[in-house]
Protein backbone atom coordinates (compact mmCIF):
# COMPACT_ATOMS: atom_id res chain seq x y z
CA MET A 1 92.81 44.61 86.19
CA LEU A 2 94.06 47.26 88.55
CA TYR A 3 95.38 50.79 87.58
CA LYS A 4 97.59 52.78 89.24
CA PHE A 5 97.54 56.76 89.01
CA GLY A 6 100.59 58.89 89.68
CA LYS A 7 100.31 62.32 88.22
CA LEU A 8 100.30 64.77 90.90
CA PRO A 9 98.26 68.38 90.18
CA LYS A 10 100.11 70.17 87.30
CA LYS A 11 102.72 72.87 88.64
CA ILE A 12 102.64 76.30 86.79
CA ASP A 13 106.39 78.04 86.30
CA LYS A 14 106.35 81.24 84.23
CA ARG A 15 109.88 80.23 82.89
CA THR A 16 108.41 77.08 81.00
CA LEU A 17 109.15 77.29 77.56
CA GLN A 18 106.41 77.47 75.24
CA LEU A 19 106.39 75.28 71.96
CA LYS A 20 104.65 77.98 69.92
CA ASN A 21 107.49 80.25 70.47
CA PHE A 22 109.82 78.20 68.57
CA LEU A 23 107.66 76.91 65.49
CA VAL A 24 109.19 78.50 62.37
CA TYR A 25 105.79 79.02 60.78
CA LYS A 26 107.40 79.39 57.31
CA ASN A 27 109.22 76.17 57.48
CA LEU A 28 106.12 73.89 59.05
CA PRO A 29 105.38 71.15 56.55
CA LEU A 30 101.74 70.25 55.67
CA LEU A 31 100.28 67.99 58.57
CA PRO A 32 99.03 64.68 57.43
CA GLU A 33 95.47 63.87 58.23
CA GLU A 34 96.79 61.25 60.43
CA TYR A 35 99.96 60.05 61.71
CA ASN A 36 101.48 57.35 64.19
CA VAL A 37 105.03 57.45 65.33
CA ASP A 38 105.27 53.73 65.18
CA SER A 39 104.54 53.59 61.57
CA GLU A 40 108.07 54.52 60.79
CA PHE A 41 109.24 51.39 62.55
CA ILE A 42 109.44 47.81 61.13
CA ASP A 43 109.44 45.51 64.24
CA LEU A 44 108.64 47.89 67.36
CA ILE A 45 106.54 46.15 70.05
CA ASP A 46 105.55 47.95 73.08
CA ASN A 47 103.14 46.31 75.43
CA ASN A 48 104.97 47.29 78.71
CA THR A 49 103.11 48.57 81.62
CA TYR A 50 106.42 49.02 83.72
CA ASN A 51 104.73 47.96 86.78
CA ASN A 52 102.02 51.00 86.31
CA THR A 53 99.45 48.42 87.68
CA VAL A 54 101.42 48.02 90.95
CA TYR A 55 102.77 51.51 91.40
CA GLY A 56 101.91 55.02 90.65
CA ASP A 57 104.98 55.47 88.37
CA CYS A 58 103.27 56.50 85.35
CA VAL A 59 105.26 59.65 84.83
CA ILE A 60 108.52 57.63 84.67
CA ALA A 61 106.56 54.99 82.59
CA GLY A 62 105.63 57.68 79.89
CA ARG A 63 108.99 58.51 79.80
CA ALA A 64 110.07 54.97 79.14
CA HIS A 65 107.73 54.70 76.05
CA MET A 66 109.25 57.95 74.75
CA THR A 67 112.70 56.85 75.14
CA LEU A 68 112.14 53.63 73.30
CA ARG A 69 111.03 55.62 70.32
CA PHE A 70 113.81 58.33 70.74
CA GLU A 71 116.55 55.76 70.70
CA TYR A 72 115.10 53.76 67.84
CA PHE A 73 115.14 56.64 65.78
CA GLU A 74 118.57 57.68 66.67
CA GLU A 75 120.32 54.35 66.99
CA GLY A 76 118.22 52.03 64.65
CA ILE A 77 117.61 49.43 67.54
CA LEU A 78 114.90 48.66 70.01
CA ILE A 79 116.62 49.10 73.24
CA SER A 80 115.56 47.17 76.36
CA ILE A 81 113.99 49.23 79.45
CA THR A 82 113.31 46.99 82.38
CA ASP A 83 110.59 47.33 84.98
CA ASP A 84 113.27 47.51 87.63
CA GLU A 85 115.06 50.53 85.74
CA VAL A 86 111.64 52.39 85.79
CA ILE A 87 110.79 51.74 89.48
CA ASN A 88 114.16 52.57 90.54
CA GLU A 89 113.93 55.98 88.93
CA TYR A 90 110.47 56.69 90.15
CA PHE A 91 111.48 55.94 93.81
CA LYS A 92 114.82 57.82 93.41
CA GLU A 93 112.66 61.04 92.26
CA SER A 94 109.80 60.51 94.72
CA GLY A 95 111.95 60.05 97.69
CA GLY A 96 111.47 56.16 98.02
CA LEU A 97 107.68 56.72 98.42
CA ASP A 98 104.83 55.65 96.25
CA THR A 99 103.23 58.97 95.96
CA GLY A 100 103.43 59.97 92.35
CA LEU A 101 105.55 62.89 90.63
CA TYR A 102 104.91 66.21 89.12
CA MET A 103 105.34 66.02 85.67
CA LEU A 104 107.47 69.36 85.41
CA ASN A 105 109.60 68.28 88.20
CA SER A 106 110.22 65.03 86.44
CA LEU A 107 110.98 66.63 83.12
CA ASN A 108 113.57 68.85 84.75
CA GLU A 109 115.21 65.71 86.23
CA TRP A 110 115.14 64.09 82.92
CA ARG A 111 116.61 67.20 81.23
CA LYS A 112 119.47 67.77 83.84
CA ASN A 113 120.53 64.42 85.24
CA GLY A 114 119.12 61.86 82.95
CA TRP A 115 117.91 58.53 83.84
CA ILE A 116 119.40 55.11 83.77
CA ALA A 117 117.82 52.81 81.06
CA ASN A 118 119.09 49.98 79.12
CA SER A 119 121.97 50.55 81.56
CA LYS A 120 122.89 53.62 80.13
CA ASN A 121 122.14 57.18 81.00
CA TYR A 122 119.81 59.00 78.73
CA ASN A 123 118.80 62.67 79.07
CA ILE A 124 117.14 65.04 76.82
CA HIS A 125 118.20 68.50 75.55
CA ALA A 126 114.98 70.69 76.29
CA TYR A 127 111.17 70.45 76.57
CA ALA A 128 108.47 72.94 75.68
CA GLU A 129 104.84 73.29 76.80
CA ILE A 130 101.99 72.54 74.29
CA ASP A 131 98.85 74.78 74.31
CA ILE A 132 96.52 72.06 75.03
CA ASN A 133 93.48 74.03 73.40
CA ASN A 134 95.46 74.07 70.13
CA HIS A 135 95.17 70.69 68.10
CA ASP A 136 97.51 71.84 65.53
CA GLU A 137 100.00 72.47 67.90
CA LEU A 138 99.94 69.02 69.34
CA LYS A 139 99.87 67.28 65.84
CA TYR A 140 102.97 69.14 65.04
CA CYS A 141 104.44 67.96 68.27
CA VAL A 142 103.84 64.42 67.54
CA TYR A 143 104.60 64.77 63.74
CA LEU A 144 107.98 66.70 64.51
CA LEU A 145 109.18 65.65 67.80
CA ARG A 146 107.90 62.06 67.91
CA GLY A 147 105.34 62.23 70.19
CA ALA A 148 104.04 64.30 73.22
CA TYR A 149 104.46 64.02 77.02
CA THR A 150 101.10 64.71 78.38
CA GLY A 151 98.97 64.41 81.58
CA PHE A 152 95.14 64.46 82.54
CA LEU A 153 92.57 63.73 85.33
CA VAL A 154 91.21 60.47 84.89
CA PRO A 155 87.02 59.87 85.02
CA GLN A 156 85.89 56.55 85.97
CA SER A 157 84.00 56.42 82.78
CA ALA A 158 87.61 56.03 80.93
CA ILE A 159 88.63 53.04 83.13
CA ASP A 160 85.48 51.49 82.23
CA GLN A 161 86.03 52.10 78.52
CA PHE A 162 89.45 50.89 78.79
CA ASP A 163 88.43 47.54 80.34
CA LYS A 164 85.87 47.19 77.50
CA GLY A 165 88.47 48.04 74.80
CA GLU A 166 86.42 51.19 73.98
CA ILE A 167 87.68 54.87 72.82
CA TRP A 168 87.73 57.21 75.42
CA THR A 169 84.73 59.41 75.00
CA VAL A 170 83.10 61.92 77.19
CA VAL A 171 80.00 60.13 78.51
CA SER A 172 78.86 62.16 81.53
CA SER A 173 80.06 65.13 83.08
CA ASN A 174 79.13 63.77 86.44
CA SER A 175 81.77 61.05 85.86
CA PRO A 176 83.96 61.19 89.03
CA ILE A 177 87.74 61.75 88.85
CA VAL A 178 89.64 58.81 90.07
CA GLY A 179 93.24 60.20 89.72
CA GLY A 180 95.86 61.82 87.46
CA HIS A 181 97.66 59.91 84.97
CA CYS A 182 100.53 60.63 82.56
CA VAL A 183 100.35 59.08 79.18
CA TYR A 184 102.74 59.35 76.00
CA ILE A 185 100.95 60.55 72.64
CA VAL A 186 102.05 58.47 70.13
CA GLY A 187 99.65 59.36 67.13
CA TYR A 188 96.58 61.34 66.06
CA ASN A 189 93.69 60.95 63.62
CA ASN A 190 90.40 62.59 62.87
CA ILE A 191 88.77 60.93 65.88
CA GLY A 192 91.59 62.16 68.24
CA PRO A 193 94.96 61.72 69.82
CA ILE A 194 96.29 58.05 70.67
CA CYS A 195 98.07 57.30 73.41
CA VAL A 196 100.09 54.47 74.98
CA THR A 197 99.50 53.56 78.73
CA TRP A 198 99.01 50.10 80.71
CA GLY A 199 100.37 48.10 77.90
CA LYS A 200 98.17 49.38 75.18
CA LYS A 201 97.49 51.78 72.64
CA GLN A 202 94.24 53.75 73.58
CA GLN A 203 92.29 55.97 71.24
CA MET A 204 90.45 59.09 72.43
CA THR A 205 88.30 61.79 70.97
CA TRP A 206 89.21 65.40 70.84
CA GLU A 207 86.28 66.11 73.06
CA PHE A 208 87.74 63.87 75.78
CA TRP A 209 91.39 65.60 75.08
CA ASP A 210 89.57 68.93 75.47
CA LYS A 211 87.89 68.22 78.84
CA TYR A 212 90.51 66.05 80.85
CA PHE A 213 93.86 66.97 79.60
CA ASP A 214 95.53 69.61 81.78
CA GLU A 215 99.14 69.64 80.56
CA ALA A 216 101.23 68.46 77.61
CA TYR A 217 105.06 69.03 76.58
CA GLY A 218 106.92 68.51 73.46
CA VAL A 219 110.37 67.06 74.15
CA ILE A 220 113.50 67.43 72.18
CA ASP A 221 115.90 64.35 72.60
CA ASN A 222 118.73 66.04 70.82
CA THR A 223 119.67 68.67 68.28
CA ASP A 224 121.82 66.81 65.79
CA GLU A 225 119.04 66.72 63.02
CA TRP A 226 118.09 70.37 63.81
CA ILE A 227 121.43 71.59 61.59
CA ASP A 228 119.64 74.15 58.76
CA PRO A 229 118.36 77.16 60.91
CA ALA A 230 116.98 78.27 57.25
CA ASN A 231 114.74 75.30 56.71
CA ASP A 232 114.18 73.79 60.04
CA PRO A 233 110.58 74.04 61.51
CA LEU A 234 112.08 74.47 64.96
CA ASP A 235 114.04 77.36 65.93
CA ILE A 236 116.63 75.73 68.13
CA PRO A 237 119.01 78.47 68.45
CA LYS A 238 116.36 80.86 69.90
CA MET A 239 115.40 77.93 72.26
CA ASP A 240 118.88 77.46 73.55
CA GLN A 241 119.12 81.30 74.12
CA GLN A 242 115.94 81.52 76.24
CA LEU A 243 116.83 77.89 78.00
CA SER A 244 120.26 79.28 79.22
CA GLU A 245 118.40 82.69 80.48
CA ILE A 246 115.86 80.86 82.30
CA THR A 247 118.30 78.24 83.94
CA SER A 248 120.20 81.19 85.43
CA SER A 249 117.02 82.71 86.91
CA PRO A 250 115.42 81.49 90.17
CA PRO A 251 112.47 79.37 90.05
CA ASN A 252 108.98 80.33 91.38
CA PRO A 253 108.97 80.39 95.03
CA GLU A 254 105.81 78.19 95.10
CA PRO A 255 104.62 76.54 91.93
CA THR A 256 100.86 76.17 92.14
CA PRO A 257 98.73 73.34 90.92
CA SER A 258 96.21 74.31 88.06
CA PRO A 259 92.83 72.55 88.31
CA CYS A 260 91.61 70.69 85.14
CA ILE A 261 88.22 71.35 84.47
CA ILE A 262 87.86 74.83 85.79
CA GLY A 263 91.46 75.57 84.63
CA ASN A 264 90.39 74.69 80.91
CA THR A 265 87.27 76.74 81.21
CA ILE A 266 89.18 79.55 82.40
CA ALA A 267 91.70 79.21 79.51
CA LYS A 268 89.36 79.13 76.90
CA ILE A 269 87.81 82.33 78.40
CA MET A 270 91.18 83.94 78.59
CA SER A 271 92.21 83.16 75.05
CA ILE A 272 89.85 85.78 73.89
CA PHE A 273 92.08 88.34 75.48
CA PRO A 274 95.36 87.79 73.40
CA TYR A 275 97.63 90.02 75.94
CA ILE A 276 96.30 88.63 78.86
CA GLY A 277 96.39 85.11 77.55
CA ARG A 278 100.32 85.31 76.56
CA ARG A 279 101.11 87.06 79.98
CA LYS A 280 99.47 85.53 82.49
CA GLY A 281 99.20 82.20 84.53
CA ARG A 282 99.32 79.01 82.25
CA PHE A 283 99.61 80.87 78.94
CA TYR A 284 102.66 82.91 80.02
CA TYR A 285 105.75 82.43 77.81
CA LEU A 286 109.05 83.89 78.03
CA ASN A 287 109.82 86.56 75.27
CA PRO A 288 112.91 88.56 76.34
CA PRO A 289 112.47 92.55 75.68
CA LEU A 290 116.25 92.70 74.47
CA SER A 291 115.71 89.92 71.90
CA LYS A 292 112.49 91.56 70.71
CA LYS A 293 114.03 95.12 70.24
CA LYS A 294 117.26 93.95 68.80
CA ASN A 295 115.38 92.16 65.87
CA ASN A 296 112.86 94.98 65.48
CA ILE A 297 114.11 96.84 62.69
CA LYS A 298 115.22 93.82 60.91
CA ASN A 299 111.95 92.35 61.05
CA LYS A 300 110.31 95.66 59.75
CA ILE A 301 112.51 95.80 56.83
CA LEU A 302 111.94 92.07 55.79
CA SER A 303 108.14 92.60 56.12
CA PHE A 304 108.48 95.06 53.32
CA LEU A 305 110.91 92.96 51.24
CA PRO A 306 108.12 91.54 48.82
CA ILE A 307 106.60 95.07 48.30
CA ILE A 308 110.12 96.57 47.67
CA SER A 309 111.36 93.83 45.46
CA ILE A 310 108.16 93.78 43.23
CA GLY A 311 107.98 97.68 43.11
CA ALA A 312 111.84 98.01 42.10
CA GLY A 313 111.64 95.28 39.54
CA LEU A 314 108.54 96.77 37.74
CA MET A 315 110.05 100.32 37.63
CA LEU A 316 113.38 99.09 36.31
CA GLN A 317 111.49 96.79 33.83
CA VAL A 318 109.49 99.87 32.46
CA PHE A 319 112.27 102.17 32.67
CA SER A 320 114.76 99.72 30.55
CA MET A 321 112.36 98.72 28.07
CA TRP A 322 111.25 102.55 27.58
CA GLN A 323 114.99 103.71 27.14
CA LEU A 324 115.68 100.47 24.73
CA ASP A 325 112.75 101.64 22.57
CA ILE A 326 113.74 105.16 22.21
CA MET A 327 117.42 104.47 21.89
CA PHE A 328 117.72 101.56 19.93
CA VAL A 329 114.73 100.16 18.56
CA THR A 330 113.55 103.15 16.12
CA ARG A 331 116.99 103.81 15.21
CA MET A 332 118.34 100.36 14.34
CA TRP A 333 115.16 99.99 11.91
CA GLY A 334 116.27 103.12 10.11
CA VAL A 335 119.75 101.56 10.06
CA CYS A 336 118.60 98.40 8.64
CA GLU A 337 116.16 100.28 5.99
CA THR A 338 118.84 102.54 4.83
CA ASN A 339 121.95 100.36 4.77
CA ILE A 340 121.85 96.65 4.54
CA ASP A 341 125.33 96.44 4.74
CA PHE A 342 125.46 97.91 8.31
CA TYR A 343 122.84 95.25 9.14
CA LYS A 344 124.79 92.41 7.81
CA GLY A 345 127.76 93.99 9.82
CA LEU A 346 125.32 94.00 12.98
CA LEU A 347 124.42 90.31 12.61
CA GLN A 348 128.16 89.37 12.22
CA GLN A 349 129.84 91.30 14.74
CA GLY A 350 127.34 91.71 17.19
CA TYR A 351 125.93 95.03 18.57
CA TRP A 352 128.59 96.05 21.02
CA ARG A 353 131.27 95.39 18.60
CA TRP A 354 129.65 96.91 15.70
CA ALA A 355 128.49 100.24 17.55
CA ALA A 356 132.09 100.65 18.71
CA ALA A 357 133.37 100.22 15.20
CA HIS A 358 131.29 102.61 13.45
CA ASP A 359 131.25 105.10 16.48
CA PHE A 360 127.43 104.97 17.06
CA THR A 361 127.13 107.09 19.88
CA ILE A 362 123.94 108.68 21.56
CA ASN A 363 123.17 112.23 22.75
CA VAL A 364 120.03 112.17 24.83
CA GLU A 365 119.63 114.08 27.91
CA ILE A 366 119.13 111.11 30.61
CA PHE A 367 123.04 110.37 29.36
CA PRO A 368 124.46 113.66 28.96
CA THR A 369 127.69 112.53 27.69
CA ASN A 370 129.12 110.92 24.42
CA MET A 371 131.86 109.31 26.02
CA PHE A 372 130.38 106.06 25.55
CA THR A 373 129.05 104.04 22.57
CA SER A 374 125.62 102.96 22.39
CA GLY A 375 126.51 99.50 22.56
CA PHE A 376 127.73 100.27 26.21
CA TRP A 377 124.37 101.78 27.20
CA TYR A 378 122.52 99.01 25.23
CA ASP A 379 124.36 96.11 27.37
CA ALA A 380 123.69 98.36 30.63
CA LEU A 381 120.13 98.61 29.93
CA MET A 382 119.82 94.88 29.27
CA MET A 383 121.57 94.22 32.37
CA MET A 384 118.94 96.48 34.08
CA ASN A 385 116.27 94.54 32.53
CA ILE A 386 117.47 91.37 33.80
CA LEU A 387 117.66 92.65 37.15
CA SER A 388 114.24 93.71 37.03
CA TRP A 389 113.02 90.24 36.54
CA PHE A 390 115.11 89.05 39.13
CA LEU A 391 113.86 91.67 41.63
CA THR A 392 110.21 90.74 40.58
CA ALA A 393 110.81 87.19 40.92
CA LEU A 394 112.22 87.48 44.42
CA GLY A 395 109.36 89.68 45.61
CA VAL A 396 106.80 87.09 44.28
CA TYR A 397 108.73 84.31 46.10
CA SER A 398 108.85 86.30 49.33
CA LEU A 399 105.22 87.31 49.00
CA HIS A 400 104.25 83.36 48.67
CA ARG A 401 106.32 82.66 51.88
CA LYS A 402 104.55 85.39 53.56
CA ILE A 403 101.44 84.10 52.72
CA GLN A 404 102.16 80.34 53.78
CA THR A 405 103.60 81.62 56.95
CA LEU A 406 100.28 83.72 57.69
CA LYS A 407 98.12 80.53 56.91
CA ASN A 408 100.22 78.35 59.32
CA LYS A 409 100.17 81.10 62.08
CA LEU A 410 96.17 81.44 61.59
CA ARG A 411 95.90 77.51 61.72
CA LEU A 412 97.98 77.47 64.82
CA MET A 413 96.31 80.22 66.57
CA GLY A 414 93.08 78.86 65.68
CA GLY A 415 93.34 75.29 66.25
CA GLU A 416 90.71 72.86 65.17
């Protein structure tokens, strides 16, 4: 069987959104050990090649595989995308020549103008680059965004393995590269990612992914499901803000291609230096200084919320219990011993009404006035005690969320 390749070398644009900047760590769900987007469907059959055995239209074919799933989730039906629709879009974007496409250029076209499939125009809301060295980031993209749009340099060994129905593995460092290819990642497991290409689902190892893949993107089809910023694992408002800023800025004069094997090696070395790694080349991400400064004070205050809440709660607890013991427990014990009638009245009327009826007032230094009955102070101190429990519970909950957020950050920063 003949296979065609059509992914041109990766383009780097420093304005490209980075997915890790929009993941809300505290809201991220636990990742399942394995997940496949197609497990959400009952009758999805996708064995389409979209003429990728005749033309180098893999960039649009990958888009078609994603669009099938996106619309199945949104509309609840399996739309029909024809080979002609894929080929028409491919030649439209390539200028009529079978030369292949840049994935970044095609993503921009998909977002801005959409494409005709199933006789309708479909576009996407946004896309963001995935750090290909971080396996958890890819998994979250597949799990939350229903797949990943990826590209790699194909070794001859992968073609041989595909023909034999074998897993894509790294068999030889000397296997020649035969072309660039775009595939849709539909799932993952302990072995590695699972992609859809040339009419089949293809398992690969994580080692294969690390060696040959040089670009990957998460695609946000629409934002209808992201309606609760407090709980959503993706920060759509922040994404929209940055998207608005970058679409108003000029593009890079000449985006440069990134070599796969050498680029991956350099990327791993650069990841040792966090500052350089986030500011330069393929790891660059947009983080506007104004937004950062604006939220700086707020973030600092929120970072101390658990300590402040727990500390204030414990202080109020100690103070209120201490004062209740001094002012009421000892005195009330004496009242109960000396006057059983007063004790009965206390039980019948309740403390506040009983204290007011008997003019039971206090005179201690911390409250230098007798204008209130002790019943008033009892109520005040009990409310203080209740408040202390609330603040303590709030602090413990905030601390738990911060620990969970830190765990998610460490997992995503470290990858596998």
